[in-house]
Amino acid sequence: MELIVALAMWQGLRASEIRGLKKSDFRNGELHIERVIVTVDGEHIEKSNAKTVDYGTADQISKTIMGNINHSQ
């Protein structure tokens, strides 16, 4: 839960972006948003695009957050 809150607060991620994350999206100290998961009529749908223009770009991740990711299962 701490990691989810940190990603939302410090990286400004939306809930759908957090739900779509995979460990492979964290590379070389950067976060690559490559998918979102939205819920429509109770069904989870994976989408490979998002609303923002900068979707798919890499954001630098703090060492603290990367440490939490590397230690999570």
PDB file of N, CA and C in Angstrom:
ATOM      1  N   MET A   1       0.827  -1.197   0.000  1.00  0.00           N
ATOM      2  CA  MET A   1       0.000   0.000   0.000  1.00  0.00           C
ATOM      3  C   MET A   1       0.874   1.263   0.000  1.00  0.00           C
ATOM      4  N   GLU A   2       1.989   1.230   0.729  1.00  0.00           N
ATOM      5  CA  GLU A   2       2.876   2.392   0.784  1.00  0.00           C
ATOM      6  C   GLU A   2       3.389   2.756  -0.604  1.00  0.00           C
ATOM      7  N   LEU A   3       3.733   1.765  -1.397  1.00  0.00           N
ATOM      8  CA  LEU A   3       4.232   2.002  -2.749  1.00  0.00           C
ATOM      9  C   LEU A   3       3.156   2.647  -3.622  1.00  0.00           C
ATOM     10  N   ILE A   4       1.935   2.192  -3.509  1.00  0.00           N
ATOM     11  CA  ILE A   4       0.831   2.749  -4.303  1.00  0.00           C
ATOM     12  C   ILE A   4       0.627   4.218  -3.976  1.00  0.00           C
ATOM     13  N   VAL A   5       0.643   4.541  -2.691  1.00  0.00           N
ATOM     14  CA  VAL A   5       0.465   5.931  -2.266  1.00  0.00           C
ATOM     15  C   VAL A   5       1.630   6.787  -2.759  1.00  0.00           C
ATOM     16  N   ALA A   6       2.854   6.267  -2.657  1.00  0.00           N
ATOM     17  CA  ALA A   6       4.030   7.016  -3.107  1.00  0.00           C
ATOM     18  C   ALA A   6       3.960   7.289  -4.608  1.00  0.00           C
ATOM     19  N   LEU A   7       3.555   6.305  -5.384  1.00  0.00           N
ATOM     20  CA  LEU A   7       3.433   6.503  -6.834  1.00  0.00           C
ATOM     21  C   LEU A   7       2.372   7.548  -7.160  1.00  0.00           C
ATOM     22  N   ALA A   8       1.268   7.519  -6.437  1.00  0.00           N
ATOM     23  CA  ALA A   8       0.204   8.494  -6.671  1.00  0.00           C
ATOM     24  C   ALA A   8       0.653   9.897  -6.265  1.00  0.00           C
ATOM     25  N   MET A   9       1.281  10.007  -5.105  1.00  0.00           N
ATOM     26  CA  MET A   9       1.666  11.325  -4.599  1.00  0.00           C
ATOM     27  C   MET A   9       2.863  11.918  -5.335  1.00  0.00           C
ATOM     28  N   TRP A  10       3.942  11.170  -5.421  1.00  0.00           N
ATOM     29  CA  TRP A  10       5.197  11.722  -5.926  1.00  0.00           C
ATOM     30  C   TRP A  10       5.312  11.668  -7.438  1.00  0.00           C
ATOM     31  N   GLN A  11       4.646  10.729  -8.080  1.00  0.00           N
ATOM     32  CA  GLN A  11       4.725  10.630  -9.535  1.00  0.00           C
ATOM     33  C   GLN A  11       3.468  11.176 -10.208  1.00  0.00           C
ATOM     34  N   GLY A  12       2.418  11.427  -9.421  1.00  0.00           N
ATOM     35  CA  GLY A  12       1.189  11.979  -9.976  1.00  0.00           C
ATOM     36  C   GLY A  12       0.414  11.002 -10.844  1.00  0.00           C
ATOM     37  N   LEU A  13       0.537   9.715 -10.545  1.00  0.00           N
ATOM     38  CA  LEU A  13      -0.140   8.714 -11.365  1.00  0.00           C
ATOM     39  C   LEU A  13      -1.620   8.623 -11.019  1.00  0.00           C
ATOM     40  N   ARG A  14      -2.415   8.341 -12.013  1.00  0.00           N
ATOM     41  CA  ARG A  14      -3.846   8.078 -11.823  1.00  0.00           C
ATOM     42  C   ARG A  14      -4.020   6.633 -11.370  1.00  0.00           C
ATOM     43  N   ALA A  15      -5.164   6.346 -10.778  1.00  0.00           N
ATOM     44  CA  ALA A  15      -5.455   4.982 -10.302  1.00  0.00           C
ATOM     45  C   ALA A  15      -5.367   3.978 -11.450  1.00  0.00           C
ATOM     46  N   SER A  16      -5.882   4.339 -12.619  1.00  0.00           N
ATOM     47  CA  SER A  16      -5.851   3.409 -13.760  1.00  0.00           C
ATOM     48  C   SER A  16      -4.422   3.134 -14.219  1.00  0.00           C
ATOM     49  N   GLU A  17      -3.538   4.136 -14.087  1.00  0.00           N
ATOM     50  CA  GLU A  17      -2.135   3.948 -14.463  1.00  0.00           C
ATOM     51  C   GLU A  17      -1.436   3.026 -13.461  1.00  0.00           C
ATOM     52  N   ILE A  18      -1.721   3.217 -12.184  1.00  0.00           N
ATOM     53  CA  ILE A  18      -1.133   2.363 -11.145  1.00  0.00           C
ATOM     54  C   ILE A  18      -1.600   0.925 -11.327  1.00  0.00           C
ATOM     55  N   ARG A  19      -2.887   0.749 -11.612  1.00  0.00           N
ATOM     56  CA  ARG A  19      -3.423  -0.609 -11.804  1.00  0.00           C
ATOM     57  C   ARG A  19      -2.794  -1.310 -13.000  1.00  0.00           C
ATOM     58  N   GLY A  20      -2.359  -0.545 -13.995  1.00  0.00           N
ATOM     59  CA  GLY A  20      -1.774  -1.134 -15.192  1.00  0.00           C
ATOM     60  C   GLY A  20      -0.277  -1.388 -15.102  1.00  0.00           C
ATOM     61  N   LEU A  21       0.358  -0.984 -14.000  1.00  0.00           N
ATOM     62  CA  LEU A  21       1.811  -1.137 -13.894  1.00  0.00           C
ATOM     63  C   LEU A  21       2.245  -2.589 -13.775  1.00  0.00           C
ATOM     64  N   LYS A  22       3.383  -2.862 -14.386  1.00  0.00           N
ATOM     65  CA  LYS A  22       4.070  -4.143 -14.225  1.00  0.00           C
ATOM     66  C   LYS A  22       5.493  -3.824 -13.784  1.00  0.00           C
ATOM     67  N   LYS A  23       6.127  -4.760 -13.113  1.00  0.00           N
ATOM     68  CA  LYS A  23       7.491  -4.520 -12.633  1.00  0.00           C
ATOM     69  C   LYS A  23       8.420  -4.173 -13.790  1.00  0.00           C
ATOM     70  N   SER A  24       8.152  -4.717 -14.967  1.00  0.00           N
ATOM     71  CA  SER A  24       8.991  -4.449 -16.135  1.00  0.00           C
ATOM     72  C   SER A  24       8.873  -3.006 -16.627  1.00  0.00           C
ATOM     73  N   ASP A  25       7.889  -2.257 -16.127  1.00  0.00           N
ATOM     74  CA  ASP A  25       7.734  -0.851 -16.507  1.00  0.00           C
ATOM     75  C   ASP A  25       8.749   0.047 -15.805  1.00  0.00           C
ATOM     76  N   PHE A  26       9.434  -0.478 -14.794  1.00  0.00           N
ATOM     77  CA  PHE A  26      10.452   0.259 -14.057  1.00  0.00           C
ATOM     78  C   PHE A  26      11.814  -0.186 -14.584  1.00  0.00           C
ATOM     79  N   ARG A  27      12.457   0.705 -15.359  1.00  0.00           N
ATOM     80  CA  ARG A  27      13.731   0.359 -15.993  1.00  0.00           C
ATOM     81  C   ARG A  27      14.731   1.496 -15.835  1.00  0.00           C
ATOM     82  N   ASN A  28      15.919   1.147 -15.355  1.00  0.00           N
ATOM     83  CA  ASN A  28      17.015   2.116 -15.261  1.00  0.00           C
ATOM     84  C   ASN A  28      16.627   3.394 -14.529  1.00  0.00           C
ATOM     85  N   GLY A  29      15.877   3.249 -13.449  1.00  0.00           N
ATOM     86  CA  GLY A  29      15.475   4.413 -12.657  1.00  0.00           C
ATOM     87  C   GLY A  29      14.374   5.243 -13.282  1.00  0.00           C
ATOM     88  N   GLU A  30      13.714   4.698 -14.306  1.00  0.00           N
ATOM     89  CA  GLU A  30      12.626   5.405 -14.968  1.00  0.00           C
ATOM     90  C   GLU A  30      11.358   4.555 -14.951  1.00  0.00           C
ATOM     91  N   LEU A  31      10.232   5.243 -14.968  1.00  0.00           N
ATOM     92  CA  LEU A  31       8.934   4.589 -15.046  1.00  0.00           C
ATOM     93  C   LEU A  31       8.374   4.827 -16.437  1.00  0.00           C
ATOM     94  N   HIS A  32       8.001   3.752 -17.113  1.00  0.00           N
ATOM     95  CA  HIS A  32       7.420   3.827 -18.453  1.00  0.00           C
ATOM     96  C   HIS A  32       5.959   3.386 -18.357  1.00  0.00           C
ATOM     97  N   ILE A  33       5.033   4.349 -18.489  1.00  0.00           N
ATOM     98  CA  ILE A  33       3.600   4.032 -18.450  1.00  0.00           C
ATOM     99  C   ILE A  33       3.224   3.480 -19.823  1.00  0.00           C
ATOM    100  N   GLU A  34       2.907   2.204 -19.881  1.00  0.00           N
ATOM    101  CA  GLU A  34       2.628   1.565 -21.171  1.00  0.00           C
ATOM    102  C   GLU A  34       1.199   1.058 -21.303  1.00  0.00           C
ATOM    103  N   ARG A  35       0.461   1.079 -20.195  1.00  0.00           N
ATOM    104  CA  ARG A  35      -0.915   0.600 -20.240  1.00  0.00           C
ATOM    105  C   ARG A  35      -1.684   1.164 -19.051  1.00  0.00           C
ATOM    106  N   VAL A  36      -2.979   1.160 -19.157  1.00  0.00           N
ATOM    107  CA  VAL A  36      -3.866   1.495 -18.039  1.00  0.00           C
ATOM    108  C   VAL A  36      -4.901   0.388 -17.928  1.00  0.00           C
ATOM    109  N   ILE A  37      -5.458   0.236 -16.751  1.00  0.00           N
ATOM    110  CA  ILE A  37      -6.566  -0.701 -16.566  1.00  0.00           C
ATOM    111  C   ILE A  37      -7.739   0.097 -16.012  1.00  0.00           C
ATOM    112  N   VAL A  38      -8.822   0.092 -16.754  1.00  0.00           N
ATOM    113  CA  VAL A  38     -10.040   0.797 -16.357  1.00  0.00           C
ATOM    114  C   VAL A  38     -11.134  -0.228 -16.094  1.00  0.00           C
ATOM    115  N   THR A  39     -12.129   0.180 -15.334  1.00  0.00           N
ATOM    116  CA  THR A  39     -13.264  -0.693 -15.047  1.00  0.00           C
ATOM    117  C   THR A  39     -14.505  -0.101 -15.693  1.00  0.00           C
ATOM    118  N   VAL A  40     -15.140  -0.889 -16.554  1.00  0.00           N
ATOM    119  CA  VAL A  40     -16.355  -0.476 -17.240  1.00  0.00           C
ATOM    120  C   VAL A  40     -17.409  -1.539 -16.985  1.00  0.00           C
ATOM    121  N   ASP A  41     -18.508  -1.144 -16.370  1.00  0.00           N
ATOM    122  CA  ASP A  41     -19.599  -2.070 -16.040  1.00  0.00           C
ATOM    123  C   ASP A  41     -19.084  -3.289 -15.277  1.00  0.00           C
ATOM    124  N   GLY A  42     -18.152  -3.066 -14.352  1.00  0.00           N
ATOM    125  CA  GLY A  42     -17.621  -4.140 -13.519  1.00  0.00           C
ATOM    126  C   GLY A  42     -16.555  -4.997 -14.178  1.00  0.00           C
ATOM    127  N   GLU A  43     -16.225  -4.711 -15.418  1.00  0.00           N
ATOM    128  CA  GLU A  43     -15.220  -5.489 -16.138  1.00  0.00           C
ATOM    129  C   GLU A  43     -13.917  -4.685 -16.242  1.00  0.00           C
ATOM    130  N   HIS A  44     -12.785  -5.333 -15.950  1.00  0.00           N
ATOM    131  CA  HIS A  44     -11.477  -4.685 -16.037  1.00  0.00           C
ATOM    132  C   HIS A  44     -10.978  -4.767 -17.470  1.00  0.00           C
ATOM    133  N   ILE A  45     -10.657  -3.602 -18.020  1.00  0.00           N
ATOM    134  CA  ILE A  45     -10.225  -3.526 -19.409  1.00  0.00           C
ATOM    135  C   ILE A  45      -8.830  -2.907 -19.462  1.00  0.00           C
ATOM    136  N   GLU A  46      -7.901  -3.606 -20.109  1.00  0.00           N
ATOM    137  CA  GLU A  46      -6.551  -3.078 -20.293  1.00  0.00           C
ATOM    138  C   GLU A  46      -6.501  -2.304 -21.592  1.00  0.00           C
ATOM    139  N   LYS A  47      -5.981  -1.074 -21.501  1.00  0.00           N
ATOM    140  CA  LYS A  47      -5.852  -0.220 -22.675  1.00  0.00           C
ATOM    141  C   LYS A  47      -4.386   0.149 -22.837  1.00  0.00           C
ATOM    142  N   SER A  48      -3.934   0.237 -24.061  1.00  0.00           N
ATOM    143  CA  SER A  48      -2.541   0.574 -24.301  1.00  0.00           C
ATOM    144  C   SER A  48      -2.356   2.057 -24.595  1.00  0.00           C
ATOM    145  N   ASN A  49      -3.349   2.854 -24.261  1.00  0.00           N
ATOM    146  CA  ASN A  49      -3.205   4.298 -24.413  1.00  0.00           C
ATOM    147  C   ASN A  49      -3.946   5.000 -23.282  1.00  0.00           C
ATOM    148  N   ALA A  50      -3.654   6.270 -23.125  1.00  0.00           N
ATOM    149  CA  ALA A  50      -4.287   7.052 -22.060  1.00  0.00           C
ATOM    150  C   ALA A  50      -4.678   8.414 -22.603  1.00  0.00           C
ATOM    151  N   LYS A  51      -5.265   9.244 -21.726  1.00  0.00           N
ATOM    152  CA  LYS A  51      -5.759  10.551 -22.137  1.00  0.00           C
ATOM    153  C   LYS A  51      -4.649  11.552 -22.411  1.00  0.00           C
ATOM    154  N   THR A  52      -3.549  11.451 -21.697  1.00  0.00           N
ATOM    155  CA  THR A  52      -2.529  12.489 -21.770  1.00  0.00           C
ATOM    156  C   THR A  52      -1.666  12.383 -23.020  1.00  0.00           C
ATOM    157  N   VAL A  53      -1.190  13.504 -23.493  1.00  0.00           N
ATOM    158  CA  VAL A  53      -0.343  13.556 -24.684  1.00  0.00           C
ATOM    159  C   VAL A  53       1.004  12.888 -24.423  1.00  0.00           C
ATOM    160  N   ASP A  54       1.545  13.050 -23.196  1.00  0.00           N
ATOM    161  CA  ASP A  54       2.871  12.511 -22.889  1.00  0.00           C
ATOM    162  C   ASP A  54       2.841  11.050 -22.462  1.00  0.00           C
ATOM    163  N   TYR A  55       1.744  10.379 -22.729  1.00  0.00           N
ATOM    164  CA  TYR A  55       1.599   8.978 -22.376  1.00  0.00           C
ATOM    165  C   TYR A  55       2.688   8.149 -23.032  1.00  0.00           C
ATOM    166  N   GLY A  56       3.264   7.258 -22.266  1.00  0.00           N
ATOM    167  CA  GLY A  56       4.302   6.392 -22.793  1.00  0.00           C
ATOM    168  C   GLY A  56       5.698   6.951 -22.605  1.00  0.00           C
ATOM    169  N   THR A  57       5.792   8.183 -22.094  1.00  0.00           N
ATOM    170  CA  THR A  57       7.113   8.754 -21.848  1.00  0.00           C
ATOM    171  C   THR A  57       7.646   8.247 -20.519  1.00  0.00           C
ATOM    172  N   ALA A  58       8.931   8.410 -20.327  1.00  0.00           N
ATOM    173  CA  ALA A  58       9.580   7.938 -19.111  1.00  0.00           C
ATOM    174  C   ALA A  58       9.676   9.057 -18.085  1.00  0.00           C
ATOM    175  N   ASP A  59       9.407   8.732 -16.838  1.00  0.00           N
ATOM    176  CA  ASP A  59       9.574   9.660 -15.727  1.00  0.00           C
ATOM    177  C   ASP A  59      10.645   9.112 -14.805  1.00  0.00           C
ATOM    178  N   GLN A  60      11.485   9.997 -14.286  1.00  0.00           N
ATOM    179  CA  GLN A  60      12.492   9.589 -13.318  1.00  0.00           C
ATOM    180  C   GLN A  60      11.803   9.165 -12.023  1.00  0.00           C
ATOM    181  N   ILE A  61      12.311   8.108 -11.405  1.00  0.00           N
ATOM    182  CA  ILE A  61      11.761   7.586 -10.161  1.00  0.00           C
ATOM    183  C   ILE A  61      12.784   7.816  -9.053  1.00  0.00           C
ATOM    184  N   SER A  62      12.304   8.241  -7.885  1.00  0.00           N
ATOM    185  CA  SER A  62      13.218   8.466  -6.767  1.00  0.00           C
ATOM    186  C   SER A  62      13.830   7.139  -6.309  1.00  0.00           C
ATOM    187  N   LYS A  63      14.999   7.237  -5.694  1.00  0.00           N
ATOM    188  CA  LYS A  63      15.678   6.037  -5.195  1.00  0.00           C
ATOM    189  C   LYS A  63      14.842   5.342  -4.134  1.00  0.00           C
ATOM    190  N   THR A  64      14.081   6.100  -3.353  1.00  0.00           N
ATOM    191  CA  THR A  64      13.226   5.506  -2.316  1.00  0.00           C
ATOM    192  C   THR A  64      12.148   4.636  -2.940  1.00  0.00           C
ATOM    193  N   ILE A  65      11.494   5.164  -3.967  1.00  0.00           N
ATOM    194  CA  ILE A  65      10.436   4.393  -4.637  1.00  0.00           C
ATOM    195  C   ILE A  65      11.039   3.181  -5.337  1.00  0.00           C
ATOM    196  N   MET A  66      12.166   3.354  -6.018  1.00  0.00           N
ATOM    197  CA  MET A  66      12.813   2.213  -6.680  1.00  0.00           C
ATOM    198  C   MET A  66      13.203   1.150  -5.667  1.00  0.00           C
ATOM    199  N   GLY A  67      13.643   1.572  -4.479  1.00  0.00           N
ATOM    200  CA  GLY A  67      13.970   0.606  -3.429  1.00  0.00           C
ATOM    201  C   GLY A  67      12.758  -0.205  -3.011  1.00  0.00           C
ATOM    202  N   ASN A  68      11.611   0.468  -2.896  1.00  0.00           N
ATOM    203  CA  ASN A  68      10.366  -0.231  -2.541  1.00  0.00           C
ATOM    204  C   ASN A  68       9.956  -1.199  -3.639  1.00  0.00           C
ATOM    205  N   ILE A  69      10.141  -0.816  -4.879  1.00  0.00           N
ATOM    206  CA  ILE A  69       9.781  -1.686  -6.006  1.00  0.00           C
ATOM    207  C   ILE A  69      10.680  -2.916  -6.028  1.00  0.00           C
ATOM    208  N   ASN A  70      11.970  -2.699  -5.828  1.00  0.00           N
ATOM    209  CA  ASN A  70      12.921  -3.798  -5.872  1.00  0.00           C
ATOM    210  C   ASN A  70      12.718  -4.782  -4.730  1.00  0.00           C
ATOM    211  N   HIS A  71      12.147  -4.342  -3.615  1.00  0.00           N
ATOM    212  CA  HIS A  71      11.917  -5.218  -2.473  1.00  0.00           C
ATOM    213  C   HIS A  71      10.520  -5.799  -2.426  1.00  0.00           C
ATOM    214  N   SER A  72       9.630  -5.357  -3.342  1.00  0.00           N
ATOM    215  CA  SER A  72       8.275  -5.897  -3.349  1.00  0.00           C
ATOM    216  C   SER A  72       8.231  -7.226  -4.088  1.00  0.00           C
ATOM    217  N   GLN A  73       7.259  -8.036  -3.756  1.00  0.00           N
ATOM    218  CA  GLN A  73       7.117  -9.352  -4.394  1.00  0.00           C
ATOM    219  C   GLN A  73       6.156  -9.257  -5.542  1.00  0.00           C
TER     220      GLN A  73
END
